[in-house]
């Protein structure tokens, strides 16, 4: 089986495009950053060195199962 120059050239171009797409995905993923202005209560990420988004940090929540158990235990003892 012989490989023509056109097929080999198309294969090289396809590999180059895949490599460029992979590099773009690697550089474009969200990165966590620190914001000295907002403080430690905020969580910020930067995507592709351009878009920065910030949101308040989630606080530790008590699961509903634990609170319902405490209510049941208090009610039966009292």
PDB file of N, CA and C in Angstrom:
ATOM      1  N   UNK A   1       0.846  -1.174   0.000  1.00  0.00           N
ATOM      2  CA  UNK A   1       0.000   0.000   0.000  1.00  0.00           C
ATOM      3  C   UNK A   1       0.893   1.240   0.000  1.00  0.00           C
ATOM      4  N   UNK A   2       0.640   2.126  -0.934  1.00  0.00           N
ATOM      5  CA  UNK A   2       1.423   3.351  -1.005  1.00  0.00           C
ATOM      6  C   UNK A   2       0.608   4.513  -0.460  1.00  0.00           C
ATOM      7  N   UNK A   3       1.305   5.379   0.217  1.00  0.00           N
ATOM      8  CA  UNK A   3       0.655   6.570   0.778  1.00  0.00           C
ATOM      9  C   UNK A   3       1.026   7.747  -0.115  1.00  0.00           C
ATOM     10  N   UNK A   4       0.031   8.377  -0.661  1.00  0.00           N
ATOM     11  CA  UNK A   4       0.306   9.510  -1.540  1.00  0.00           C
ATOM     12  C   UNK A   4       0.704  10.723  -0.699  1.00  0.00           C
ATOM     13  N   UNK A   5       1.317  11.685  -1.361  1.00  0.00           N
ATOM     14  CA  UNK A   5       1.744  12.896  -0.674  1.00  0.00           C
ATOM     15  C   UNK A   5       0.553  13.688  -0.147  1.00  0.00           C
ATOM     16  N   UNK A   6      -0.560  13.654  -0.864  1.00  0.00           N
ATOM     17  CA  UNK A   6      -1.756  14.374  -0.442  1.00  0.00           C
ATOM     18  C   UNK A   6      -2.302  13.787   0.862  1.00  0.00           C
ATOM     19  N   UNK A   7      -2.316  12.458   0.970  1.00  0.00           N
ATOM     20  CA  UNK A   7      -2.800  11.802   2.176  1.00  0.00           C
ATOM     21  C   UNK A   7      -1.881  12.094   3.356  1.00  0.00           C
ATOM     22  N   UNK A   8      -0.587  12.040   3.139  1.00  0.00           N
ATOM     23  CA  UNK A   8       0.376  12.322   4.187  1.00  0.00           C
ATOM     24  C   UNK A   8       0.270  13.780   4.642  1.00  0.00           C
ATOM     25  N   UNK A   9       0.087  14.685   3.701  1.00  0.00           N
ATOM     26  CA  UNK A   9      -0.057  16.100   4.027  1.00  0.00           C
ATOM     27  C   UNK A   9      -1.344  16.329   4.825  1.00  0.00           C
ATOM     28  N   UNK A  10      -2.427  15.659   4.451  1.00  0.00           N
ATOM     29  CA  UNK A  10      -3.689  15.791   5.177  1.00  0.00           C
ATOM     30  C   UNK A  10      -3.542  15.245   6.593  1.00  0.00           C
ATOM     31  N   UNK A  11      -2.810  14.167   6.784  1.00  0.00           N
ATOM     32  CA  UNK A  11      -2.577  13.595   8.094  1.00  0.00           C
ATOM     33  C   UNK A  11      -1.771  14.548   8.980  1.00  0.00           C
ATOM     34  N   UNK A  12      -0.762  15.164   8.428  1.00  0.00           N
ATOM     35  CA  UNK A  12       0.055  16.119   9.183  1.00  0.00           C
ATOM     36  C   UNK A  12      -0.773  17.332   9.580  1.00  0.00           C
ATOM     37  N   UNK A  13      -1.595  17.832   8.669  1.00  0.00           N
ATOM     38  CA  UNK A  13      -2.452  18.984   8.975  1.00  0.00           C
ATOM     39  C   UNK A  13      -3.464  18.619  10.060  1.00  0.00           C
ATOM     40  N   UNK A  14      -4.041  17.434   9.992  1.00  0.00           N
ATOM     41  CA  UNK A  14      -5.005  16.990  10.997  1.00  0.00           C
ATOM     42  C   UNK A  14      -4.345  16.881  12.369  1.00  0.00           C
ATOM     43  N   UNK A  15      -3.142  16.338  12.429  1.00  0.00           N
ATOM     44  CA  UNK A  15      -2.422  16.231  13.705  1.00  0.00           C
ATOM     45  C   UNK A  15      -2.098  17.611  14.266  1.00  0.00           C
ATOM     46  N   UNK A  16      -1.711  18.535  13.407  1.00  0.00           N
ATOM     47  CA  UNK A  16      -1.410  19.889  13.853  1.00  0.00           C
ATOM     48  C   UNK A  16      -2.672  20.568  14.402  1.00  0.00           C
ATOM     49  N   UNK A  17      -3.806  20.370  13.750  1.00  0.00           N
ATOM     50  CA  UNK A  17      -5.056  20.964  14.226  1.00  0.00           C
ATOM     51  C   UNK A  17      -5.478  20.383  15.575  1.00  0.00           C
ATOM     52  N   UNK A  18      -5.297  19.092  15.749  1.00  0.00           N
ATOM     53  CA  UNK A  18      -5.616  18.456  17.033  1.00  0.00           C
ATOM     54  C   UNK A  18      -4.710  19.001  18.130  1.00  0.00           C
ATOM     55  N   UNK A  19      -3.438  19.184  17.832  1.00  0.00           N
ATOM     56  CA  UNK A  19      -2.496  19.732  18.818  1.00  0.00           C
ATOM     57  C   UNK A  19      -2.859  21.164  19.188  1.00  0.00           C
ATOM     58  N   UNK A  20      -3.227  21.971  18.218  1.00  0.00           N
ATOM     59  CA  UNK A  20      -3.619  23.360  18.490  1.00  0.00           C
ATOM     60  C   UNK A  20      -4.909  23.400  19.311  1.00  0.00           C
ATOM     61  N   UNK A  21      -5.879  22.554  18.977  1.00  0.00           N
ATOM     62  CA  UNK A  21      -7.133  22.504  19.730  1.00  0.00           C
ATOM     63  C   UNK A  21      -6.879  22.064  21.171  1.00  0.00           C
ATOM     64  N   UNK A  22      -6.008  21.097  21.370  1.00  0.00           N
ATOM     65  CA  UNK A  22      -5.667  20.657  22.720  1.00  0.00           C
ATOM     66  C   UNK A  22      -4.996  21.747  23.527  1.00  0.00           C
ATOM     67  N   UNK A  23      -4.097  22.491  22.895  1.00  0.00           N
ATOM     68  CA  UNK A  23      -3.433  23.593  23.591  1.00  0.00           C
ATOM     69  C   UNK A  23      -4.429  24.683  23.960  1.00  0.00           C
ATOM     70  N   UNK A  24      -5.385  24.962  23.083  1.00  0.00           N
ATOM     71  CA  UNK A  24      -6.396  25.975  23.382  1.00  0.00           C
ATOM     72  C   UNK A  24      -7.278  25.545  24.550  1.00  0.00           C
ATOM     73  N   UNK A  25      -7.647  24.278  24.589  1.00  0.00           N
ATOM     74  CA  UNK A  25      -8.449  23.777  25.704  1.00  0.00           C
ATOM     75  C   UNK A  25      -7.665  23.819  27.013  1.00  0.00           C
ATOM     76  N   UNK A  26      -6.392  23.488  26.950  1.00  0.00           N
ATOM     77  CA  UNK A  26      -5.554  23.502  28.139  1.00  0.00           C
ATOM     78  C   UNK A  26      -5.390  24.919  28.687  1.00  0.00           C
ATOM     79  N   UNK A  27      -5.182  25.885  27.815  1.00  0.00           N
ATOM     80  CA  UNK A  27      -4.997  27.272  28.254  1.00  0.00           C
ATOM     81  C   UNK A  27      -6.315  27.952  28.599  1.00  0.00           C
ATOM     82  N   UNK A  28      -7.417  27.450  28.056  1.00  0.00           N
ATOM     83  CA  UNK A  28      -8.698  28.113  28.256  1.00  0.00           C
ATOM     84  C   UNK A  28      -9.497  27.625  29.445  1.00  0.00           C
ATOM     85  N   UNK A  29      -9.023  26.618  30.162  1.00  0.00           N
ATOM     86  CA  UNK A  29      -9.805  26.098  31.290  1.00  0.00           C
ATOM     87  C   UNK A  29      -9.791  27.084  32.455  1.00  0.00           C
ATOM     88  N   UNK A  30     -10.838  27.071  33.282  1.00  0.00           N
ATOM     89  CA  UNK A  30     -10.905  28.001  34.418  1.00  0.00           C
ATOM     90  C   UNK A  30      -9.798  27.734  35.441  1.00  0.00           C
ATOM     91  N   UNK A  31      -9.173  28.796  35.893  1.00  0.00           N
ATOM     92  CA  UNK A  31      -8.113  28.716  36.890  1.00  0.00           C
ATOM     93  C   UNK A  31      -8.552  29.478  38.144  1.00  0.00           C
ATOM     94  N   UNK A  32      -8.402  28.899  39.331  1.00  0.00           N
ATOM     95  CA  UNK A  32      -8.737  29.648  40.540  1.00  0.00           C
ATOM     96  C   UNK A  32      -7.717  30.762  40.761  1.00  0.00           C
ATOM     97  N   UNK A  33      -8.210  31.929  41.155  1.00  0.00           N
ATOM     98  CA  UNK A  33      -7.330  33.056  41.433  1.00  0.00           C
ATOM     99  C   UNK A  33      -7.722  33.666  42.772  1.00  0.00           C
ATOM    100  N   UNK A  34      -6.816  34.394  43.379  1.00  0.00           N
ATOM    101  CA  UNK A  34      -7.074  35.084  44.638  1.00  0.00           C
ATOM    102  C   UNK A  34      -7.468  36.526  44.348  1.00  0.00           C
ATOM    103  N   UNK A  35      -8.459  37.011  45.066  1.00  0.00           N
ATOM    104  CA  UNK A  35      -8.870  38.400  44.913  1.00  0.00           C
ATOM    105  C   UNK A  35      -8.653  39.114  46.242  1.00  0.00           C
ATOM    106  N   UNK A  36      -7.638  39.956  46.302  1.00  0.00           N
ATOM    107  CA  UNK A  36      -7.330  40.687  47.531  1.00  0.00           C
ATOM    108  C   UNK A  36      -8.405  41.729  47.824  1.00  0.00           C
ATOM    109  N   UNK A  37      -9.078  42.199  46.800  1.00  0.00           N
ATOM    110  CA  UNK A  37     -10.099  43.228  46.976  1.00  0.00           C
ATOM    111  C   UNK A  37     -11.338  42.648  47.659  1.00  0.00           C
ATOM    112  N   UNK A  38     -11.769  41.462  47.238  1.00  0.00           N
ATOM    113  CA  UNK A  38     -12.984  40.862  47.781  1.00  0.00           C
ATOM    114  C   UNK A  38     -12.768  40.138  49.099  1.00  0.00           C
ATOM    115  N   UNK A  39     -11.579  39.638  49.354  1.00  0.00           N
ATOM    116  CA  UNK A  39     -11.292  38.944  50.601  1.00  0.00           C
ATOM    117  C   UNK A  39     -11.468  37.447  50.485  1.00  0.00           C
ATOM    118  N   UNK A  40     -11.425  36.762  51.635  1.00  0.00           N
ATOM    119  CA  UNK A  40     -11.452  35.309  51.654  1.00  0.00           C
ATOM    120  C   UNK A  40     -12.858  34.735  51.556  1.00  0.00           C
ATOM    121  N   UNK A  41     -13.879  35.573  51.656  1.00  0.00           N
ATOM    122  CA  UNK A  41     -15.254  35.080  51.568  1.00  0.00           C
ATOM    123  C   UNK A  41     -15.707  34.858  50.136  1.00  0.00           C
ATOM    124  N   UNK A  42     -14.853  35.158  49.169  1.00  0.00           N
ATOM    125  CA  UNK A  42     -15.216  35.037  47.756  1.00  0.00           C
ATOM    126  C   UNK A  42     -14.288  34.051  47.063  1.00  0.00           C
ATOM    127  N   UNK A  43     -14.825  33.373  46.063  1.00  0.00           N
ATOM    128  CA  UNK A  43     -14.080  32.410  45.256  1.00  0.00           C
ATOM    129  C   UNK A  43     -14.106  32.899  43.805  1.00  0.00           C
ATOM    130  N   UNK A  44     -12.933  33.142  43.216  1.00  0.00           N
ATOM    131  CA  UNK A  44     -12.859  33.687  41.854  1.00  0.00           C
ATOM    132  C   UNK A  44     -12.137  32.723  40.926  1.00  0.00           C
ATOM    133  N   UNK A  45     -12.578  32.680  39.667  1.00  0.00           N
ATOM    134  CA  UNK A  45     -11.907  31.894  38.629  1.00  0.00           C
ATOM    135  C   UNK A  45     -11.725  32.762  37.395  1.00  0.00           C
ATOM    136  N   UNK A  46     -10.664  32.482  36.674  1.00  0.00           N
ATOM    137  CA  UNK A  46     -10.362  33.227  35.450  1.00  0.00           C
ATOM    138  C   UNK A  46     -10.259  32.226  34.300  1.00  0.00           C
ATOM    139  N   UNK A  47     -10.976  32.494  33.215  1.00  0.00           N
ATOM    140  CA  UNK A  47     -11.003  31.615  32.056  1.00  0.00           C
ATOM    141  C   UNK A  47     -10.306  32.287  30.886  1.00  0.00           C
ATOM    142  N   UNK A  48      -9.373  31.579  30.282  1.00  0.00           N
ATOM    143  CA  UNK A  48      -8.644  32.037  29.090  1.00  0.00           C
ATOM    144  C   UNK A  48      -7.994  33.397  29.291  1.00  0.00           C
ATOM    145  N   UNK A  49      -7.558  33.694  30.488  1.00  0.00           N
ATOM    146  CA  UNK A  49      -6.878  34.941  30.832  1.00  0.00           C
ATOM    147  C   UNK A  49      -7.729  36.182  30.574  1.00  0.00           C
ATOM    148  N   UNK A  50      -9.033  36.016  30.313  1.00  0.00           N
ATOM    149  CA  UNK A  50      -9.878  37.146  29.944  1.00  0.00           C
ATOM    150  C   UNK A  50     -11.076  37.289  30.867  1.00  0.00           C
ATOM    151  N   UNK A  51     -11.864  36.250  31.003  1.00  0.00           N
ATOM    152  CA  UNK A  51     -13.126  36.298  31.728  1.00  0.00           C
ATOM    153  C   UNK A  51     -12.911  35.893  33.182  1.00  0.00           C
ATOM    154  N   UNK A  52     -13.232  36.799  34.111  1.00  0.00           N
ATOM    155  CA  UNK A  52     -13.097  36.519  35.533  1.00  0.00           C
ATOM    156  C   UNK A  52     -14.470  36.533  36.171  1.00  0.00           C
ATOM    157  N   UNK A  53     -14.795  35.460  36.917  1.00  0.00           N
ATOM    158  CA  UNK A  53     -16.062  35.385  37.629  1.00  0.00           C
ATOM    159  C   UNK A  53     -15.786  35.113  39.095  1.00  0.00           C
ATOM    160  N   UNK A  54     -16.611  35.726  39.960  1.00  0.00           N
ATOM    161  CA  UNK A  54     -16.471  35.546  41.396  1.00  0.00           C
ATOM    162  C   UNK A  54     -17.828  35.195  41.996  1.00  0.00           C
ATOM    163  N   UNK A  55     -17.808  34.366  43.030  1.00  0.00           N
ATOM    164  CA  UNK A  55     -19.031  33.973  43.728  1.00  0.00           C
ATOM    165  C   UNK A  55     -18.696  33.822  45.208  1.00  0.00           C
ATOM    166  N   UNK A  56     -19.681  34.055  46.073  1.00  0.00           N
ATOM    167  CA  UNK A  56     -19.413  33.865  47.503  1.00  0.00           C
ATOM    168  C   UNK A  56     -19.121  32.391  47.794  1.00  0.00           C
ATOM    169  N   UNK A  57     -18.219  32.160  48.710  1.00  0.00           N
ATOM    170  CA  UNK A  57     -17.886  30.785  49.091  1.00  0.00           C
ATOM    171  C   UNK A  57     -19.079  30.142  49.782  1.00  0.00           C
ATOM    172  N   UNK A  58     -19.277  28.868  49.508  1.00  0.00           N
ATOM    173  CA  UNK A  58     -20.369  28.128  50.152  1.00  0.00           C
ATOM    174  C   UNK A  58     -19.988  27.868  51.602  1.00  0.00           C
ATOM    175  N   UNK A  59     -20.918  28.136  52.502  1.00  0.00           N
ATOM    176  CA  UNK A  59     -20.653  27.896  53.912  1.00  0.00           C
ATOM    177  C   UNK A  59     -21.047  26.476  54.266  1.00  0.00           C
ATOM    178  N   UNK A  60     -20.476  25.975  55.335  1.00  0.00           N
ATOM    179  CA  UNK A  60     -20.754  24.614  55.774  1.00  0.00           C
ATOM    180  C   UNK A  60     -22.205  24.512  56.224  1.00  0.00           C
ATOM    181  N   UNK A  61     -22.979  23.702  55.547  1.00  0.00           N
ATOM    182  CA  UNK A  61     -24.389  23.537  55.879  1.00  0.00           C
ATOM    183  C   UNK A  61     -24.585  22.261  56.691  1.00  0.00           C
ATOM    184  N   UNK A  62     -25.559  22.306  57.594  1.00  0.00           N
ATOM    185  CA  UNK A  62     -25.897  21.128  58.388  1.00  0.00           C
ATOM    186  C   UNK A  62     -26.925  20.333  57.590  1.00  0.00           C
ATOM    187  N   UNK A  63     -26.657  19.062  57.337  1.00  0.00           N
ATOM    188  CA  UNK A  63     -27.622  18.258  56.578  1.00  0.00           C
ATOM    189  C   UNK A  63     -28.969  18.169  57.297  1.00  0.00           C
ATOM    190  N   UNK A  64     -30.028  18.081  56.524  1.00  0.00           N
ATOM    191  CA  UNK A  64     -31.371  18.041  57.087  1.00  0.00           C
ATOM    192  C   UNK A  64     -31.594  16.791  57.924  1.00  0.00           C
ATOM    193  N   UNK A  65     -30.905  15.714  57.620  1.00  0.00           N
ATOM    194  CA  UNK A  65     -31.073  14.465  58.369  1.00  0.00           C
ATOM    195  C   UNK A  65     -30.624  14.655  59.815  1.00  0.00           C
ATOM    196  N   UNK A  66     -29.514  15.366  60.015  1.00  0.00           N
ATOM    197  CA  UNK A  66     -29.024  15.593  61.370  1.00  0.00           C
ATOM    198  C   UNK A  66     -29.979  16.465  62.168  1.00  0.00           C
ATOM    199  N   UNK A  67     -30.526  17.504  61.563  1.00  0.00           N
ATOM    200  CA  UNK A  67     -31.433  18.377  62.301  1.00  0.00           C
ATOM    201  C   UNK A  67     -32.726  17.661  62.644  1.00  0.00           C
ATOM    202  N   UNK A  68     -33.228  16.816  61.744  1.00  0.00           N
ATOM    203  CA  UNK A  68     -34.465  16.114  62.046  1.00  0.00           C
ATOM    204  C   UNK A  68     -34.238  15.090  63.148  1.00  0.00           C
ATOM    205  N   UNK A  69     -33.069  14.464  63.203  1.00  0.00           N
ATOM    206  CA  UNK A  69     -32.769  13.517  64.275  1.00  0.00           C
ATOM    207  C   UNK A  69     -32.727  14.226  65.623  1.00  0.00           C
ATOM    208  N   UNK A  70     -32.106  15.403  65.683  1.00  0.00           N
ATOM    209  CA  UNK A  70     -32.029  16.140  66.941  1.00  0.00           C
ATOM    210  C   UNK A  70     -33.423  16.536  67.413  1.00  0.00           C
ATOM    211  N   UNK A  71     -34.289  16.935  66.495  1.00  0.00           N
ATOM    212  CA  UNK A  71     -35.641  17.308  66.862  1.00  0.00           C
ATOM    213  C   UNK A  71     -36.401  16.111  67.418  1.00  0.00           C
ATOM    214  N   UNK A  72     -36.227  14.938  66.831  1.00  0.00           N
ATOM    215  CA  UNK A  72     -36.918  13.730  67.269  1.00  0.00           C
ATOM    216  C   UNK A  72     -36.410  13.308  68.637  1.00  0.00           C
ATOM    217  N   UNK A  73     -35.088  13.393  68.853  1.00  0.00           N
ATOM    218  CA  UNK A  73     -34.533  12.991  70.138  1.00  0.00           C
ATOM    219  C   UNK A  73     -35.027  13.922  71.249  1.00  0.00           C
ATOM    220  N   UNK A  74     -35.047  15.226  71.012  1.00  0.00           N
ATOM    221  CA  UNK A  74     -35.549  16.178  72.007  1.00  0.00           C
ATOM    222  C   UNK A  74     -37.012  15.943  72.320  1.00  0.00           C
ATOM    223  N   UNK A  75     -37.799  15.649  71.312  1.00  0.00           N
ATOM    224  CA  UNK A  75     -39.233  15.463  71.503  1.00  0.00           C
ATOM    225  C   UNK A  75     -39.528  14.221  72.308  1.00  0.00           C
ATOM    226  N   UNK A  76     -38.767  13.150  72.140  1.00  0.00           N
ATOM    227  CA  UNK A  76     -39.066  11.915  72.870  1.00  0.00           C
ATOM    228  C   UNK A  76     -38.575  11.980  74.315  1.00  0.00           C
ATOM    229  N   UNK A  77     -37.539  12.750  74.590  1.00  0.00           N
ATOM    230  CA  UNK A  77     -37.003  12.830  75.957  1.00  0.00           C
ATOM    231  C   UNK A  77     -37.787  13.819  76.810  1.00  0.00           C
ATOM    232  N   UNK A  78     -38.446  14.774  76.187  1.00  0.00           N
ATOM    233  CA  UNK A  78     -39.068  15.845  76.932  1.00  0.00           C
ATOM    234  C   UNK A  78     -40.435  15.534  77.347  1.00  0.00           C
TER     235      UNK A  78
END
